[in-house]
């Protein structure tokens, strides 16, 4: 009898109950049909099919793991490359080739700061536009901190050798190019290493000096400004805090006689910093990165120019107040020059130069397309120089230097100076006339040369001096030319002789800024340091 017989069934009768099979799911039914068809057709067996499925799943998992690993490796490589780029950007070996990259970053930052046309028109600027884009003796960089000369000794030296023949004028503290320097300038500073002040781990971009107050001001790409004691070479204070200061690179700075500092930045802002204070006052008006700010000694105003194509004049009293705005440029303004008589010239990205009539707040003379590419340098000639009194000079990205007579509205000279064998070049700096430049016109360019022109000989080329590297900065002082190069060297030339007297190992990167007076020299650069050198008076019997 079956064990499945019903207990209630009668004898001799069996009732078999079969256990019902569980219903197949749709997927299982579909799989059975496939397997049957494969068996009929002589395809691989069920076990072989299962093995292949497991193998495919394993291969897919391996492919996904490899893809994830490749993505992670690519991210690591990208990160390492980005960090290497950041580190190499400020190294001595690479700083001199970063000029184009710097301008590209400037344009990128400009795009981030772009405002709409309504805001531009509301500010009176119109619609904004996207900018187009030797055998010198090198002194080693021994960075021992030199003991500064005493304040009394420096004061005595200054007293014996004052600028302008013993009379200090009101403008003397702001003469970036002193007419006279002490005799020891020709042989080198007291300590070749100088006094170094480490202010930041980011490059310095601009500077200004108030020698009367014994202060240097340096603007940095870390968004701050630093006040340096111009005698001790030490940091006095920082102009940046939670409530005041720039939120982008500080691109330009100037000083006023009463000790104020005015700075401009990539953030389109101007800040006025009262003397001996770290609390600034924002001066609103510009709608684009600030290219330049300068103090005008004839009016007592601070003048600024910007990528928003405007020039603005500011009264820097207890509050910064805009007094006038000059409009007329059709491209971002790159450079500005203010004469000792208060005349203003500006040059823009498209190669135009404008001379302004500040009494009428209008254009006095527009010079269109005078350079191919942007205007890269501007300078007024010394008004007291009989050979250069009514002239100003422009330099361009095309490597040409052009001389302009604003009284006659003429262009007396056009010289191709700074172009290499491939036809490329640019004029990076111009200093013109006066005792500071020994009566000559001195220029530097991207071809790695310093050139000296003689205005008495129709601006004929007098000297060509080879530089150690790309020139980032230049100043003239007492007949000497001081050139800061991309390899960190500061070269000192005799302008009339066209010879290099010596060179100082100033920085571990490009020398961006130079400030000089009759007995001191200060530089700042890509390594974030400020270096101060002293030139004592010659001892007399």
Protein backbone atom coordinates (compact mmCIF):
# COMPACT_ATOMS: atom_id res chain seq x y z
CA UNK A 1 0.00 0.00 0.00
CA UNK A 2 1.21 3.32 -0.91
CA UNK A 3 2.23 5.53 1.84
CA UNK A 4 0.11 8.12 0.20
CA UNK A 5 -3.11 6.06 0.70
CA UNK A 6 -5.91 7.93 2.28
CA UNK A 7 -6.59 6.72 5.85
CA UNK A 8 -10.29 6.90 5.14
CA UNK A 9 -10.20 4.85 2.02
CA UNK A 10 -11.79 1.46 2.11
CA UNK A 11 -9.81 -1.79 2.15
CA UNK A 12 -8.65 -2.91 -1.22
CA UNK A 13 -8.89 0.60 -2.54
CA UNK A 14 -5.88 2.82 -2.95
CA UNK A 15 -5.96 6.57 -3.61
CA UNK A 16 -2.59 7.98 -4.63
CA UNK A 17 -2.16 11.72 -4.09
CA UNK A 18 0.61 13.31 -6.23
CA UNK A 19 2.40 16.43 -4.89
CA UNK A 20 1.77 19.30 -7.28
CA UNK A 21 4.92 20.88 -8.77
CA UNK A 22 5.47 24.60 -8.16
CA UNK A 23 4.54 26.70 -11.20
CA UNK A 24 7.48 27.89 -13.37
CA UNK A 25 8.23 31.58 -13.58
CA UNK A 26 8.18 33.24 -16.98
CA UNK A 27 11.98 33.49 -17.04
CA UNK A 28 12.47 29.84 -16.13
CA UNK A 29 9.93 28.72 -18.74
CA UNK A 30 11.67 30.82 -21.33
CA UNK A 31 15.03 29.32 -20.34
CA UNK A 32 13.67 25.73 -20.68
CA UNK A 33 12.36 26.47 -24.16
CA UNK A 34 15.74 27.85 -25.17
CA UNK A 35 17.56 24.81 -23.76
CA UNK A 36 15.24 22.38 -25.59
CA UNK A 37 15.76 24.20 -28.85
CA UNK A 38 19.51 24.18 -28.31
CA UNK A 39 19.48 20.40 -27.64
CA UNK A 40 17.47 19.77 -30.77
CA UNK A 41 19.86 21.87 -32.85
CA UNK A 42 22.95 20.24 -31.40
CA UNK A 43 24.00 23.41 -29.51
CA UNK A 44 26.09 23.39 -26.33
CA UNK A 45 24.66 21.58 -23.38
CA UNK A 46 22.99 23.26 -20.43
CA UNK A 47 26.13 22.97 -18.30
CA UNK A 48 28.24 24.54 -21.04
CA UNK A 49 25.73 27.38 -21.40
CA UNK A 50 25.79 28.03 -17.67
CA UNK A 51 29.57 28.06 -17.72
CA UNK A 52 29.58 30.63 -20.50
CA UNK A 53 27.11 32.83 -18.64
CA UNK A 54 29.30 32.74 -15.51
CA UNK A 55 32.35 33.53 -17.63
CA UNK A 56 30.62 36.49 -19.29
CA UNK A 57 29.59 37.85 -15.91
CA UNK A 58 33.17 37.53 -14.61
CA UNK A 59 34.55 39.27 -17.71
CA UNK A 60 32.05 42.11 -17.35
CA UNK A 61 32.95 42.60 -13.70
CA UNK A 62 36.66 42.60 -14.60
CA UNK A 63 36.06 45.17 -17.36
CA UNK A 64 34.19 47.44 -14.94
CA UNK A 65 36.98 47.14 -12.38
CA UNK A 66 39.61 47.94 -15.02
CA UNK A 67 37.61 50.95 -16.21
CA UNK A 68 37.31 52.24 -12.64
CA UNK A 69 41.05 51.71 -12.11
CA UNK A 70 41.86 53.54 -15.37
CA UNK A 71 39.63 56.46 -14.39
CA UNK A 72 41.27 56.73 -10.98
CA UNK A 73 44.73 56.58 -12.57
CA UNK A 74 43.77 59.30 -15.07
CA UNK A 75 42.54 61.49 -12.21
CA UNK A 76 45.82 60.95 -10.33
CA UNK A 77 47.83 61.86 -13.44
CA UNK A 78 45.73 64.99 -14.00
CA UNK A 79 46.15 66.04 -10.38
CA UNK A 80 49.93 65.48 -10.47
CA UNK A 81 50.21 67.48 -13.70
CA UNK A 82 48.16 70.34 -12.26
CA UNK A 83 50.31 70.45 -9.13
CA UNK A 84 53.49 70.31 -11.22
CA UNK A 85 52.23 73.19 -13.34
CA UNK A 86 51.48 75.22 -10.23
CA UNK A 87 54.93 74.54 -8.77
CA UNK A 88 56.82 75.13 -12.01
CA UNK A 89 55.00 78.37 -12.68
CA UNK A 90 56.95 80.12 -9.96
CA UNK A 91 60.31 78.36 -10.39
CA UNK A 92 63.43 80.22 -11.56
CA UNK A 93 63.76 77.95 -14.57
CA UNK A 94 60.27 78.65 -15.87
CA UNK A 95 59.24 82.09 -14.67
CA UNK A 96 60.64 83.87 -17.72
CA UNK A 97 58.41 81.94 -20.12
CA UNK A 98 55.19 82.66 -18.25
CA UNK A 99 54.36 86.02 -19.79
CA UNK A 100 51.84 84.60 -22.27
CA UNK A 101 50.38 82.31 -19.60
CA UNK A 102 50.01 85.30 -17.29
CA UNK A 103 48.03 87.19 -19.92
CA UNK A 104 45.89 84.12 -20.58
CA UNK A 105 45.06 83.88 -16.89
CA UNK A 106 44.27 87.57 -16.92
CA UNK A 107 41.75 86.95 -19.70
CA UNK A 108 40.27 83.96 -17.88
CA UNK A 109 39.81 86.00 -14.74
CA UNK A 110 38.27 88.75 -16.81
CA UNK A 111 35.71 86.33 -18.21
CA UNK A 112 34.79 85.27 -14.69
CA UNK A 113 34.35 88.88 -13.67
CA UNK A 114 32.38 89.89 -16.75
CA UNK A 115 29.24 91.86 -16.05
CA UNK A 116 26.28 92.27 -18.37
CA UNK A 117 25.82 95.19 -20.71
CA UNK A 118 23.23 96.78 -18.47
CA UNK A 119 25.66 97.16 -15.63
CA UNK A 120 28.32 98.49 -17.99
CA UNK A 121 25.92 101.04 -19.42
CA UNK A 122 24.67 102.02 -15.99
CA UNK A 123 28.22 102.85 -14.94
CA UNK A 124 28.71 104.92 -18.08
CA UNK A 125 31.27 102.55 -19.53
CA UNK A 126 29.17 101.13 -22.33
CA UNK A 127 29.06 97.47 -23.23
CA UNK A 128 32.04 95.56 -21.97
CA UNK A 129 34.32 93.74 -24.34
CA UNK A 130 36.43 90.65 -23.84
CA UNK A 131 40.12 91.55 -24.18
CA UNK A 132 42.00 90.06 -27.16
CA UNK A 133 44.47 88.65 -26.02
CA UNK A 134 75.94 89.86 -21.26
CA UNK A 135 78.87 89.35 -19.53
CA UNK A 136 77.59 90.74 -16.26
CA UNK A 137 79.05 89.69 -12.94
CA UNK A 138 76.34 87.69 -11.20
CA UNK A 139 76.41 87.79 -7.43
CA UNK A 140 75.27 84.50 -5.91
CA UNK A 141 72.07 84.36 -3.91
CA UNK A 142 73.57 84.01 -0.45
CA UNK A 143 70.50 84.69 1.61
CA UNK A 144 72.07 85.56 4.94
CA UNK A 145 70.09 88.35 6.56
CA UNK A 146 72.32 91.39 6.36
CA UNK A 147 72.40 93.86 9.20
CA UNK A 148 70.84 97.09 7.94
CA UNK A 149 72.72 100.32 8.18
CA UNK A 150 71.60 102.55 10.99
CA UNK A 151 68.90 105.10 10.32
CA UNK A 152 71.22 107.93 11.33
CA UNK A 153 73.86 106.82 8.84
CA UNK A 154 71.34 106.73 6.03
CA UNK A 155 69.95 110.14 6.91
CA UNK A 156 73.50 111.58 6.87
CA UNK A 157 74.15 109.99 3.49
CA UNK A 158 70.94 111.43 2.08
CA UNK A 159 71.79 114.86 3.48
CA UNK A 160 75.17 114.88 1.71
CA UNK A 161 73.76 113.65 -1.60
CA UNK A 162 70.25 115.01 -2.07
CA UNK A 163 68.33 114.80 -5.34
CA UNK A 164 68.11 117.91 -7.53
CA UNK A 165 71.35 119.46 -6.39
CA UNK A 166 70.61 119.50 -2.69
CA UNK A 167 66.99 120.65 -2.78
CA UNK A 168 64.23 118.15 -2.20
CA UNK A 169 61.10 119.14 -4.06
CA UNK A 170 57.55 118.15 -3.13
CA UNK A 171 57.57 115.50 -5.84
CA UNK A 172 60.94 114.01 -4.87
CA UNK A 173 59.48 111.25 -2.66
CA UNK A 174 57.47 110.02 -5.67
CA UNK A 175 60.21 110.18 -8.28
CA UNK A 176 60.38 106.59 -9.42
CA UNK A 177 63.43 107.54 -11.49
CA UNK A 178 65.78 109.69 -9.37
CA UNK A 179 67.93 112.20 -11.24
CA UNK A 180 70.97 111.59 -9.04
CA UNK A 181 72.30 108.64 -7.06
CA UNK A 182 75.27 108.15 -4.75
CA UNK A 183 78.63 107.25 -6.25
CA UNK A 184 78.63 103.75 -4.78
CA UNK A 185 75.82 102.78 -7.15
CA UNK A 186 78.43 102.25 -9.87
CA UNK A 187 80.36 99.65 -7.88
CA UNK A 188 77.49 97.85 -6.16
CA UNK A 189 75.65 97.79 -2.84
CA UNK A 190 77.22 97.39 0.60
CA UNK A 191 75.94 93.83 0.93
CA UNK A 192 75.41 92.04 -2.42
CA UNK A 193 72.87 89.68 -0.81
CA UNK A 194 70.78 92.57 0.45
CA UNK A 195 68.16 92.47 3.16
CA UNK A 196 65.43 89.98 2.33
CA UNK A 197 61.87 90.12 3.60
CA UNK A 198 59.66 87.10 2.91
CA UNK A 199 56.15 88.47 2.57
CA UNK A 200 54.21 85.72 0.77
CA UNK A 201 54.41 82.32 -0.90
CA UNK A 202 52.78 83.83 -3.99
CA UNK A 203 54.29 86.15 -6.64
CA UNK A 204 54.41 89.91 -6.13
CA UNK A 205 52.87 91.87 -8.99
CA UNK A 206 53.22 95.60 -8.27
CA UNK A 207 54.91 98.07 -5.95
CA UNK A 208 55.20 101.73 -5.01
CA UNK A 209 57.54 103.67 -2.73
CA UNK A 210 57.04 106.59 -0.38
CA UNK A 211 60.67 107.33 0.43
CA UNK A 212 59.77 110.37 2.55
CA UNK A 213 57.89 108.10 4.94
CA UNK A 214 60.41 105.26 4.58
CA UNK A 215 57.84 102.82 3.24
CA UNK A 216 57.46 100.40 0.35
CA UNK A 217 54.11 98.95 -0.67
CA UNK A 218 53.97 95.63 -2.52
CA UNK A 219 50.83 94.13 -4.06
CA UNK A 220 50.62 90.35 -4.32
CA UNK A 221 48.74 87.65 -6.18
CA UNK A 222 47.62 86.38 -2.76
CA UNK A 223 45.16 89.35 -2.80
CA UNK A 224 46.99 91.33 -0.05
CA UNK A 225 49.27 94.37 0.08
CA UNK A 226 52.30 94.56 2.37
CA UNK A 227 53.90 97.66 3.90
CA UNK A 228 57.67 97.26 4.19
CA UNK A 229 60.06 99.41 6.23
CA UNK A 230 62.29 100.86 3.51
CA UNK A 231 65.27 101.19 5.88
CA UNK A 232 65.11 98.02 7.98
CA UNK A 233 63.65 95.80 5.28
CA UNK A 234 61.01 94.37 7.62
CA UNK A 235 57.26 93.91 7.22
CA UNK A 236 55.25 96.54 9.07
CA UNK A 237 51.66 95.55 8.31
CA UNK A 238 49.37 93.77 5.88
CA UNK A 239 46.50 95.45 4.04
CA UNK A 240 43.97 92.65 3.95
CA UNK A 241 41.44 91.34 6.47
CA UNK A 242 37.97 89.83 6.68
CA UNK A 243 36.16 93.08 5.90
CA UNK A 244 38.65 95.02 3.73
CA UNK A 245 40.76 94.15 0.74
CA UNK A 246 40.83 92.59 -2.69
CA UNK A 247 39.44 89.18 -3.52
CA UNK A 248 41.62 88.78 -6.60
CA UNK A 249 45.21 89.62 -7.66
CA UNK A 250 46.45 93.10 -6.72
CA UNK A 251 47.64 94.47 -10.07
CA UNK A 252 48.59 98.10 -9.37
CA UNK A 253 49.30 100.43 -6.44
CA UNK A 254 50.38 104.03 -5.78
CA UNK A 255 51.11 106.28 -2.77
CA UNK A 256 49.98 109.81 -1.92
CA UNK A 257 52.09 112.42 -0.08
CA UNK A 258 49.97 112.17 3.08
CA UNK A 259 50.73 108.46 3.43
CA UNK A 260 47.63 106.94 1.84
CA UNK A 261 47.88 103.88 -0.39
CA UNK A 262 45.54 103.31 -3.34
CA UNK A 263 45.39 99.84 -4.88
CA UNK A 264 43.59 98.25 -7.81
CA UNK A 265 42.98 94.62 -8.64
CA UNK A 266 41.64 91.99 -10.97
CA UNK A 267 38.40 92.17 -9.01
CA UNK A 268 37.60 95.60 -10.60
CA UNK A 269 37.94 97.27 -7.21
CA UNK A 270 39.91 100.24 -5.97
CA UNK A 271 40.82 100.45 -2.29
CA UNK A 272 42.11 103.50 -0.43
CA UNK A 273 44.14 102.72 2.70
CA UNK A 274 44.70 105.59 5.18
CA UNK A 275 48.20 106.12 6.56
CA UNK A 276 49.25 103.70 9.31
CA UNK A 277 45.92 101.87 9.04
CA UNK A 278 44.84 98.43 7.85
CA UNK A 279 41.18 99.40 7.39
CA UNK A 280 40.52 100.35 3.80
CA UNK A 281 37.79 102.27 2.00
CA UNK A 282 36.45 100.88 -1.26
CA UNK A 283 36.09 103.32 -4.14
CA UNK A 284 33.39 102.07 -6.49
CA UNK A 285 33.12 102.93 -10.17
CA UNK A 286 35.10 100.62 -12.44
CA UNK A 287 33.43 97.57 -13.97
CA UNK A 288 36.56 95.73 -15.11
CA UNK A 289 40.05 94.79 -13.85
CA UNK A 290 42.20 97.79 -12.92
CA UNK A 291 45.23 98.20 -15.19
CA UNK A 292 47.00 101.09 -13.48
CA UNK A 293 46.69 103.74 -10.77
CA UNK A 294 48.93 106.79 -10.51
CA UNK A 295 49.12 109.86 -8.26
CA UNK A 296 48.97 113.17 -10.15
CA UNK A 297 51.07 115.71 -8.26
CA UNK A 298 49.65 118.67 -10.18
CA UNK A 299 46.03 118.10 -9.17
CA UNK A 300 46.43 115.98 -6.04
CA UNK A 301 44.13 113.38 -7.60
CA UNK A 302 44.63 109.67 -8.11
CA UNK A 303 44.01 108.54 -11.69
CA UNK A 304 42.99 104.99 -12.61
CA UNK A 305 42.42 103.14 -15.87
CA UNK A 306 40.68 99.85 -16.44
CA UNK A 307 39.61 97.05 -18.72
CA UNK A 308 36.19 98.74 -18.73
CA UNK A 309 37.75 101.26 -21.19
CA UNK A 310 37.47 104.25 -18.85
CA UNK A 311 39.87 106.59 -17.07
CA UNK A 312 38.69 107.91 -13.71
CA UNK A 313 40.02 110.62 -11.38
CA UNK A 314 39.59 110.37 -7.63
CA UNK A 315 39.74 112.78 -4.72
CA UNK A 316 41.25 110.73 -1.91
CA UNK A 317 40.13 112.63 1.17
CA UNK A 318 38.41 111.02 4.11
CA UNK A 319 36.31 109.16 1.56
CA UNK A 320 37.29 108.28 -1.99
CA UNK A 321 35.22 110.40 -4.37
CA UNK A 322 35.15 110.15 -8.16
CA UNK A 323 35.73 113.61 -9.66
CA UNK A 324 35.75 112.84 -13.38
CA UNK A 325 35.50 110.01 -15.91
CA UNK A 326 37.10 109.95 -19.37
CA UNK A 327 35.61 107.72 -22.05
CA UNK A 328 36.62 107.10 -25.65
CA UNK A 329 38.61 103.88 -25.85
CA UNK A 330 37.04 101.03 -27.77
CA UNK A 331 39.14 98.31 -26.13
CA UNK A 332 40.48 97.62 -22.62
CA UNK A 333 43.04 100.19 -21.48
CA UNK A 334 46.40 98.56 -20.78
CA UNK A 335 48.77 101.45 -19.94
CA UNK A 336 48.68 105.05 -18.79
CA UNK A 337 51.24 107.86 -18.41
CA UNK A 338 50.91 111.13 -16.48
CA UNK A 339 53.35 113.94 -17.18
CA UNK A 340 54.84 116.21 -14.52
CA UNK A 341 52.45 118.88 -15.82
CA UNK A 342 49.38 116.68 -15.39
CA UNK A 343 48.80 115.57 -18.98
CA UNK A 344 47.44 112.03 -19.40
CA UNK A 345 48.01 109.52 -22.19
CA UNK A 346 46.52 106.03 -22.38
CA UNK A 347 46.98 103.03 -24.69
CA UNK A 348 44.63 100.13 -25.25
CA UNK A 349 44.48 96.50 -26.37
CA UNK A 350 43.69 97.38 -29.99
CA UNK A 351 46.76 99.62 -30.50
CA UNK A 352 45.12 103.04 -30.05
CA UNK A 353 46.66 105.88 -28.00
CA UNK A 354 44.69 108.86 -26.65
CA UNK A 355 45.96 112.17 -25.25
CA UNK A 356 43.35 113.62 -22.89
CA UNK A 357 42.23 117.19 -22.24
CA UNK A 358 41.61 116.98 -18.49
CA UNK A 359 40.16 120.49 -18.31
CA UNK A 360 37.31 119.51 -20.63
CA UNK A 361 37.32 115.80 -19.68
CA UNK A 362 37.54 114.89 -23.34
CA UNK A 363 39.94 113.60 -25.99
CA UNK A 364 42.59 116.04 -27.16
CA UNK A 365 44.27 113.76 -29.72
CA UNK A 366 43.38 110.25 -30.80
CA UNK A 367 46.09 108.16 -32.50
CA UNK A 368 44.42 105.16 -34.12
CA UNK A 369 46.08 101.82 -34.83
CA UNK A 370 49.55 103.13 -34.07
CA UNK A 371 50.68 99.62 -33.07
CA UNK A 372 49.77 96.15 -34.29
CA UNK A 373 48.47 94.42 -31.21
CA UNK A 374 48.24 96.10 -27.86
CA UNK A 375 50.08 99.18 -26.61
CA UNK A 376 52.60 97.64 -24.22
CA UNK A 377 54.46 100.70 -22.87
CA UNK A 378 53.98 104.48 -22.54
CA UNK A 379 56.27 107.21 -21.21
CA UNK A 380 56.36 111.00 -21.06
CA UNK A 381 59.66 112.68 -21.77
CA UNK A 382 61.22 115.06 -19.27
CA UNK A 383 59.61 118.50 -19.87
CA UNK A 384 62.83 120.22 -18.75
CA UNK A 385 64.86 118.39 -21.41
CA UNK A 386 65.30 120.78 -24.39
CA UNK A 387 65.43 117.84 -26.80
CA UNK A 388 62.33 116.10 -25.51
CA UNK A 389 60.16 118.72 -23.83
CA UNK A 390 56.91 118.22 -25.81
CA UNK A 391 57.21 114.53 -26.57
CA UNK A 392 55.83 111.25 -25.34
CA UNK A 393 56.72 107.74 -26.52
CA UNK A 394 54.69 104.59 -27.10
CA UNK A 395 55.80 100.99 -27.48
CA UNK A 396 53.77 98.14 -28.84
CA UNK A 397 53.37 94.41 -29.13
CA UNK A 398 54.72 94.81 -32.67
CA UNK A 399 58.19 95.70 -31.32
CA UNK A 400 58.03 99.29 -32.57
CA UNK A 401 58.79 102.45 -30.60
CA UNK A 402 57.00 105.62 -31.79
CA UNK A 403 57.76 109.19 -30.74
CA UNK A 404 54.89 111.71 -30.61
CA UNK A 405 54.93 115.52 -30.50
CA UNK A 406 51.66 116.56 -28.89
CA UNK A 407 52.12 120.24 -29.71
CA UNK A 408 52.69 119.73 -33.42
CA UNK A 409 50.48 116.62 -33.62
CA UNK A 410 53.29 114.78 -35.38
CA UNK A 411 55.07 111.43 -35.22
CA UNK A 412 58.74 112.42 -35.61
CA UNK A 413 60.13 108.89 -35.25
CA UNK A 414 59.04 105.29 -35.75
CA UNK A 415 61.72 102.70 -34.95
CA UNK A 416 61.56 98.91 -35.11
CA UNK A 417 63.62 97.99 -32.04
CA UNK A 418 62.53 94.81 -30.31
CA UNK A 419 61.85 92.13 -32.92
CA UNK A 420 63.70 88.81 -33.07
CA UNK A 421 64.76 86.79 -36.11
CA UNK A 422 61.26 85.26 -36.35
CA UNK A 423 59.67 88.72 -36.53
CA UNK A 424 58.22 88.49 -33.02
CA UNK A 425 58.73 90.82 -30.11
CA UNK A 426 57.27 93.49 -27.89
CA UNK A 427 58.40 96.64 -26.12
CA UNK A 428 58.10 95.97 -22.39
CA UNK A 429 59.41 99.23 -20.83
CA UNK A 430 60.35 102.79 -21.82
CA UNK A 431 62.18 105.49 -19.83
CA UNK A 432 62.72 108.80 -21.59
CA UNK A 433 65.05 111.75 -21.07
CA UNK A 434 66.17 113.75 -18.10
CA UNK A 435 69.16 113.25 -15.83
CA UNK A 436 67.83 109.90 -14.64
CA UNK A 437 68.18 108.48 -18.18
CA UNK A 438 71.31 110.56 -19.02
CA UNK A 439 69.22 112.45 -21.59
CA UNK A 440 68.59 109.28 -23.59
CA UNK A 441 65.57 107.14 -24.40
CA UNK A 442 66.00 103.67 -22.88
CA UNK A 443 63.82 100.70 -23.85
CA UNK A 444 63.59 96.98 -23.10
CA UNK A 445 61.88 94.31 -25.12
CA UNK A 446 60.86 90.70 -25.45
CA UNK A 447 63.82 90.07 -27.75
CA UNK A 448 65.97 90.11 -24.59
CA UNK A 449 67.76 93.40 -25.24
CA UNK A 450 68.09 96.87 -23.76
CA UNK A 451 68.34 99.66 -26.35
CA UNK A 452 69.55 103.25 -25.97
CA UNK A 453 68.36 105.94 -28.41
CA UNK A 454 69.89 109.42 -28.76
CA UNK A 455 67.19 112.10 -29.30
CA UNK A 456 69.83 114.58 -30.48
CA UNK A 457 70.54 112.28 -33.45
CA UNK A 458 66.95 111.78 -34.59
CA UNK A 459 66.53 108.96 -32.09
CA UNK A 460 69.30 106.96 -33.67
CA UNK A 461 70.31 103.70 -32.01
CA UNK A 462 73.27 104.35 -29.70
CA UNK A 463 73.68 101.03 -27.82
CA UNK A 464 72.27 97.50 -27.79
CA UNK A 465 72.86 95.52 -24.60
CA UNK A 466 72.09 91.82 -24.26
CA UNK A 467 70.11 90.81 -21.19
CA UNK A 468 70.37 87.53 -19.29
CA UNK A 469 66.68 86.81 -19.86
CA UNK A 470 63.25 88.22 -20.64
CA UNK A 471 62.93 91.72 -19.08
CA UNK A 472 59.99 92.05 -16.70
CA UNK A 473 60.80 95.45 -15.17
CA UNK A 474 63.02 98.48 -15.71
CA UNK A 475 63.91 101.73 -13.94
CA UNK A 476 66.50 104.45 -14.51
CA UNK A 477 68.42 106.30 -11.81
CA UNK A 478 71.26 108.80 -12.09
CA UNK A 479 72.28 107.71 -15.58
CA UNK A 480 71.98 103.99 -14.82
CA UNK A 481 69.45 101.53 -16.20
CA UNK A 482 68.18 98.82 -13.83
CA UNK A 483 66.60 95.79 -15.52
CA UNK A 484 64.82 92.94 -13.75
CA UNK A 485 64.86 89.67 -15.70
CA UNK A 486 62.95 86.41 -15.71
CA UNK A 487 65.86 84.39 -14.31
CA UNK A 488 65.91 86.49 -11.12
CA UNK A 489 68.86 88.70 -12.12
CA UNK A 490 68.88 92.47 -11.70
CA UNK A 491 71.32 93.98 -14.22
CA UNK A 492 72.77 97.50 -13.82
CA UNK A 493 73.91 99.33 -16.99
CA UNK A 494 75.73 102.58 -17.64
CA UNK A 495 73.37 104.22 -20.14
CA UNK A 496 75.87 106.47 -21.90
CA UNK A 497 78.55 103.79 -22.17
CA UNK A 498 76.17 100.92 -22.93
CA UNK A 499 78.00 98.58 -20.55
CA UNK A 500 76.80 96.30 -17.78
CA UNK A 501 78.43 97.35 -14.50
CA UNK A 502 77.25 94.37 -12.46
CA UNK A 503 74.24 92.19 -11.74
CA UNK A 504 72.60 91.05 -8.53
CA UNK A 505 71.05 87.65 -7.93
CA UNK A 506 67.83 89.22 -6.74
CA UNK A 507 65.12 86.56 -6.78
CA UNK A 508 64.37 82.88 -7.46
CA UNK A 509 62.01 83.90 -10.22
CA UNK A 510 61.12 86.90 -12.36
CA UNK A 511 61.93 90.36 -10.98
CA UNK A 512 58.55 92.03 -11.33
CA UNK A 513 59.07 95.40 -9.62
CA UNK A 514 61.91 97.90 -9.06
CA UNK A 515 61.91 100.95 -6.78
CA UNK A 516 64.95 103.24 -6.40
CA UNK A 517 66.02 106.42 -4.66
CA UNK A 518 69.43 108.05 -4.34
CA UNK A 519 70.78 105.60 -1.72
CA UNK A 520 68.51 102.54 -1.84
CA UNK A 521 67.11 99.96 -4.20
CA UNK A 522 64.20 97.58 -3.64
CA UNK A 523 62.91 94.74 -5.79
CA UNK A 524 60.09 92.22 -5.55
CA UNK A 525 59.26 89.22 -7.67
CA UNK A 526 57.77 85.83 -8.32
CA UNK A 527 59.29 84.21 -5.22
CA UNK A 528 57.17 86.45 -2.97
CA UNK A 529 60.21 88.17 -1.45
CA UNK A 530 61.24 91.81 -1.18
CA UNK A 531 64.98 92.56 -1.28
CA UNK A 532 66.45 95.91 -0.15
CA UNK A 533 69.99 97.10 -0.96
CA UNK A 534 71.79 100.08 0.57
CA UNK A 535 74.31 102.31 -1.21
CA UNK A 536 76.20 104.38 1.37
CA UNK A 537 77.83 107.71 0.60
CA UNK A 538 81.47 107.69 -0.47
CA UNK A 539 83.77 108.47 2.43
CA UNK A 540 85.75 111.68 2.05
CA UNK A 541 89.07 112.49 3.67
